């Protein structure tokens, strides 16, 4: 379970063309401890900001002029760098018998939906739930990246340069690489080894022949 302080530090974007609604959402979330908020009067202004800075959660009004909440939602979900941002859709539109606003929101990729007017408790609890899930996703992603990074590390002996393979078995570098890749080796001698090993042997042979 995450501490509330951790969730309070997460960044939330809110887009609504009604300034009163923006102030209401900001006041309610501020009172609940969420201070890291950015407010936008249009979907377009939020989209411009998203190209520079990625938030942890979006609260998105559906009925906005220009770019509607649906437009912004669809644009985000088609962007690989942004598609994992959790989005809660907020609207005053009445739900018909087909539940069209709700169903369309989820079909486009929203994680939650709030109808206006909403209670303060409902807003706070849905935001907390979304941030908990996003916090967990971020930590799992970080752990997966660390595992992928560790998989690229090959334990190698500092002295003999053998590689530790499975079951703590040590192999020569050539044998290990041949088993784990399609690489074939052709043998040669580097200049340093020639000077250090081959040349002294050749010089010794020449000296022995002159005797």
Protein backbone atom coordinates (compact mmCIF):
# COMPACT_ATOMS: atom_id res chain seq x y z
CA UNK A 1 0.00 0.00 0.00
CA UNK A 2 1.36 3.38 -0.98
CA UNK A 3 1.50 6.26 1.45
CA UNK A 4 -0.80 9.16 0.63
CA UNK A 5 2.23 11.47 0.58
CA UNK A 6 3.63 9.55 -2.40
CA UNK A 7 0.39 9.91 -4.34
CA UNK A 8 0.09 13.59 -3.44
CA UNK A 9 3.39 14.30 -5.24
CA UNK A 10 2.19 12.86 -8.54
CA UNK A 11 1.39 15.27 -11.39
CA UNK A 12 -2.24 15.72 -12.46
CA UNK A 13 -3.48 17.61 -15.54
CA UNK A 14 -7.09 18.84 -15.66
CA UNK A 15 -8.75 20.11 -18.85
CA UNK A 16 -12.19 21.77 -18.86
CA UNK A 17 -13.45 24.77 -20.83
CA UNK A 18 -15.50 25.91 -17.81
CA UNK A 19 -13.34 27.95 -15.42
CA UNK A 20 -15.73 27.33 -12.52
CA UNK A 21 -15.39 23.58 -12.96
CA UNK A 22 -11.61 23.85 -13.06
CA UNK A 23 -11.54 25.87 -9.84
CA UNK A 24 -13.92 23.40 -8.17
CA UNK A 25 -11.79 20.39 -9.09
CA UNK A 26 -8.62 22.18 -8.00
CA UNK A 27 -10.12 23.16 -4.65
CA UNK A 28 -11.43 19.68 -3.91
CA UNK A 29 -8.16 17.96 -4.82
CA UNK A 30 -6.04 20.56 -3.01
CA UNK A 31 -8.08 20.02 0.16
CA UNK A 32 -7.43 16.28 -0.19
CA UNK A 33 -3.68 16.94 -0.32
CA UNK A 34 -3.09 16.91 -4.09
CA UNK A 35 -1.10 20.06 -4.79
CA UNK A 36 0.70 19.12 -8.02
CA UNK A 37 -2.01 20.14 -10.50
CA UNK A 38 -1.98 21.96 -13.84
CA UNK A 39 -5.20 23.38 -15.27
CA UNK A 40 -6.10 23.86 -18.95
CA UNK A 41 -9.04 25.66 -20.52
CA UNK A 42 -8.91 23.58 -23.71
CA UNK A 43 -7.89 20.21 -25.02
CA UNK A 44 -5.47 21.87 -27.43
CA UNK A 45 -3.50 23.64 -24.68
CA UNK A 46 -3.21 20.37 -22.79
CA UNK A 47 -2.04 18.54 -25.91
CA UNK A 48 0.67 21.16 -26.47
CA UNK A 49 1.94 20.63 -22.90
CA UNK A 50 1.88 16.85 -23.19
CA UNK A 51 4.53 16.97 -25.91
CA UNK A 52 6.95 18.45 -23.35
CA UNK A 53 5.92 17.04 -19.98
CA UNK A 54 4.20 13.77 -19.09
CA UNK A 55 1.75 13.79 -16.15
CA UNK A 56 0.75 10.84 -13.99
CA UNK A 57 -3.00 11.34 -14.48
CA UNK A 58 -5.39 13.27 -16.74
CA UNK A 59 -8.85 14.51 -15.81
CA UNK A 60 -10.50 15.30 -19.12
CA UNK A 61 -13.83 16.99 -19.80
CA UNK A 62 -15.60 15.50 -22.81
CA UNK A 63 -17.57 18.49 -24.06
CA UNK A 64 -14.93 21.06 -25.09
CA UNK A 65 -14.88 23.24 -28.24
CA UNK A 66 -12.18 22.58 -30.82
CA UNK A 67 -10.57 19.40 -29.59
CA UNK A 68 -13.13 17.50 -27.55
CA UNK A 69 -12.19 15.17 -24.72
CA UNK A 70 -12.69 12.26 -27.12
CA UNK A 71 -10.24 13.83 -29.59
CA UNK A 72 -7.59 14.31 -26.93
CA UNK A 73 -8.12 10.81 -25.55
CA UNK A 74 -7.81 9.20 -28.99
CA UNK A 75 -4.69 11.26 -29.80
CA UNK A 76 -3.00 10.22 -26.56
CA UNK A 77 -3.76 6.53 -26.96
CA UNK A 78 -2.20 6.53 -30.44
CA UNK A 79 1.06 8.00 -29.15
CA UNK A 80 3.44 5.27 -27.87
CA UNK A 81 5.11 7.72 -25.47
CA UNK A 82 1.81 8.82 -23.89
CA UNK A 83 -0.59 5.89 -24.24
CA UNK A 84 -0.03 4.56 -20.72
CA UNK A 85 -1.17 7.77 -19.02
CA UNK A 86 -4.37 6.98 -17.07
CA UNK A 87 -7.30 9.18 -18.08
CA UNK A 88 -10.53 9.88 -16.22
CA UNK A 89 -13.28 11.35 -18.40
CA UNK A 90 -15.60 13.91 -16.80
CA UNK A 91 -18.85 15.12 -18.40
CA UNK A 92 -22.20 16.69 -17.73
CA UNK A 93 -23.68 14.92 -20.76
CA UNK A 94 -26.68 12.81 -19.87
CA UNK A 95 -26.28 9.05 -20.25
CA UNK A 96 -28.86 7.72 -22.70
CA UNK A 97 -30.13 4.15 -22.66
CA UNK A 98 -27.09 3.07 -24.70
CA UNK A 99 -24.72 4.73 -22.19
CA UNK A 100 -22.96 6.28 -25.21
CA UNK A 101 -20.59 8.76 -23.45
CA UNK A 102 -19.47 6.10 -20.99
CA UNK A 103 -19.06 3.30 -23.53
CA UNK A 104 -17.23 5.50 -26.03
CA UNK A 105 -14.85 6.73 -23.33
CA UNK A 106 -13.85 3.19 -22.38
CA UNK A 107 -13.64 2.06 -26.00
CA UNK A 108 -11.14 4.85 -26.71
CA UNK A 109 -9.01 3.83 -23.71
CA UNK A 110 -10.17 5.82 -20.67
CA UNK A 111 -9.66 4.09 -17.33
CA UNK A 112 -12.57 5.74 -15.51
CA UNK A 113 -15.59 7.99 -15.96
CA UNK A 114 -17.24 10.59 -13.71
CA UNK A 115 -20.62 12.23 -14.35
CA UNK A 116 -21.30 15.83 -13.32
CA UNK A 117 -22.37 16.85 -10.81
CA UNK A 118 -20.10 14.61 -8.75
CA UNK A 119 -19.52 14.47 -5.02
CA UNK A 120 -16.20 15.61 -3.58
CA UNK A 121 -15.67 12.15 -2.09
CA UNK A 122 -16.25 10.44 -5.44
CA UNK A 123 -13.71 12.66 -7.20
CA UNK A 124 -11.03 12.22 -4.54
CA UNK A 125 -11.45 8.45 -4.28
CA UNK A 126 -11.37 7.91 -8.05
CA UNK A 127 -8.24 10.06 -8.34
CA UNK A 128 -6.57 8.13 -5.49
CA UNK A 129 -7.45 4.81 -7.13
CA UNK A 130 -6.09 5.91 -10.51
CA UNK A 131 -2.85 7.19 -9.00
CA UNK A 132 -2.32 4.00 -6.99
CA UNK A 133 -2.62 1.95 -10.17
CA UNK A 134 -0.29 4.29 -12.07
CA UNK A 135 2.26 4.21 -9.23
CA UNK A 136 2.23 0.43 -9.34
CA UNK A 137 2.58 0.40 -13.14
CA UNK A 138 5.55 2.77 -12.98
CA UNK A 139 7.29 0.65 -10.35
CA UNK A 140 6.70 -2.54 -12.34
CA UNK A 141 8.05 -0.84 -15.47
CA UNK A 142 11.15 0.31 -13.57
CA UNK A 143 11.68 -3.22 -12.24
CA UNK A 144 11.33 -4.70 -15.73
CA UNK A 145 13.85 -2.21 -17.12
CA UNK A 146 16.28 -3.12 -14.35
CA UNK A 147 15.90 -6.82 -15.13
CA UNK A 148 16.52 -6.18 -18.82
CA UNK A 149 19.61 -4.21 -17.88
CA UNK A 150 20.91 -6.96 -15.61
CA UNK A 151 20.37 -9.53 -18.36
CA UNK A 152 22.97 -7.69 -20.42
CA UNK A 153 25.63 -8.12 -17.71
CA UNK A 154 28.00 -11.06 -18.17
CA UNK A 155 29.99 -12.13 -15.07
CA UNK A 156 33.65 -12.46 -16.09
CA UNK A 157 36.68 -13.46 -14.02
CA UNK A 158 39.09 -10.58 -13.40
CA UNK A 159 42.09 -12.87 -13.75
CA UNK A 160 41.56 -15.63 -16.29
CA UNK A 161 38.71 -13.84 -18.14
CA UNK A 162 36.45 -16.89 -18.13
CA UNK A 163 32.69 -16.23 -18.14
CA UNK A 164 30.30 -17.62 -15.53
CA UNK A 165 27.59 -19.50 -17.42
CA UNK A 166 24.53 -21.33 -16.07
CA UNK A 167 24.76 -23.34 -12.85
CA UNK A 168 27.91 -21.45 -11.84
CA UNK A 169 29.95 -23.20 -14.57
CA UNK A 170 32.90 -21.17 -15.89
CA UNK A 171 33.61 -21.21 -19.63
CA UNK A 172 36.17 -19.71 -21.93
CA UNK A 173 34.83 -16.56 -23.63
CA UNK A 174 34.95 -18.21 -27.05
CA UNK A 175 32.95 -21.23 -25.93
CA UNK A 176 30.35 -19.12 -24.13
CA UNK A 177 29.75 -16.79 -27.09
CA UNK A 178 29.57 -19.71 -29.53
CA UNK A 179 26.87 -21.39 -27.42
CA UNK A 180 24.76 -18.27 -26.95
CA UNK A 181 25.06 -16.71 -30.42
CA UNK A 182 25.58 -17.70 -34.04
CA UNK A 183 29.04 -16.12 -34.02
CA UNK A 184 31.91 -18.10 -35.56
CA UNK A 185 35.52 -17.35 -34.64
CA UNK A 186 38.56 -16.97 -36.87
CA UNK A 187 41.80 -16.85 -34.94
CA UNK A 188 44.52 -14.27 -35.30
CA UNK A 189 47.07 -12.45 -33.15
CA UNK A 190 46.76 -8.85 -32.04
CA UNK A 191 49.84 -6.56 -32.17
CA UNK A 192 50.20 -6.46 -28.38
CA UNK A 193 50.21 -10.23 -28.08
CA UNK A 194 52.61 -10.52 -31.00
CA UNK A 195 55.11 -8.24 -29.23
CA UNK A 196 54.58 -9.86 -25.84
CA UNK A 197 54.51 -13.56 -26.79
CA UNK A 198 55.25 -14.39 -30.44
CA UNK A 199 58.20 -12.09 -31.15
CA UNK A 200 60.25 -13.24 -28.12
CA UNK A 201 59.77 -16.86 -29.23
CA UNK A 202 60.85 -16.06 -32.80
CA UNK A 203 63.90 -14.17 -31.51
CA UNK A 204 64.82 -17.13 -29.34
CA UNK A 205 64.54 -19.52 -32.30
CA UNK A 206 66.81 -17.26 -34.39
CA UNK A 207 69.39 -17.12 -31.63
CA UNK A 208 69.36 -20.93 -31.23
CA UNK A 209 69.95 -21.40 -34.97
CA UNK A 210 73.02 -19.16 -34.91
CA UNK A 211 74.72 -21.22 -32.25
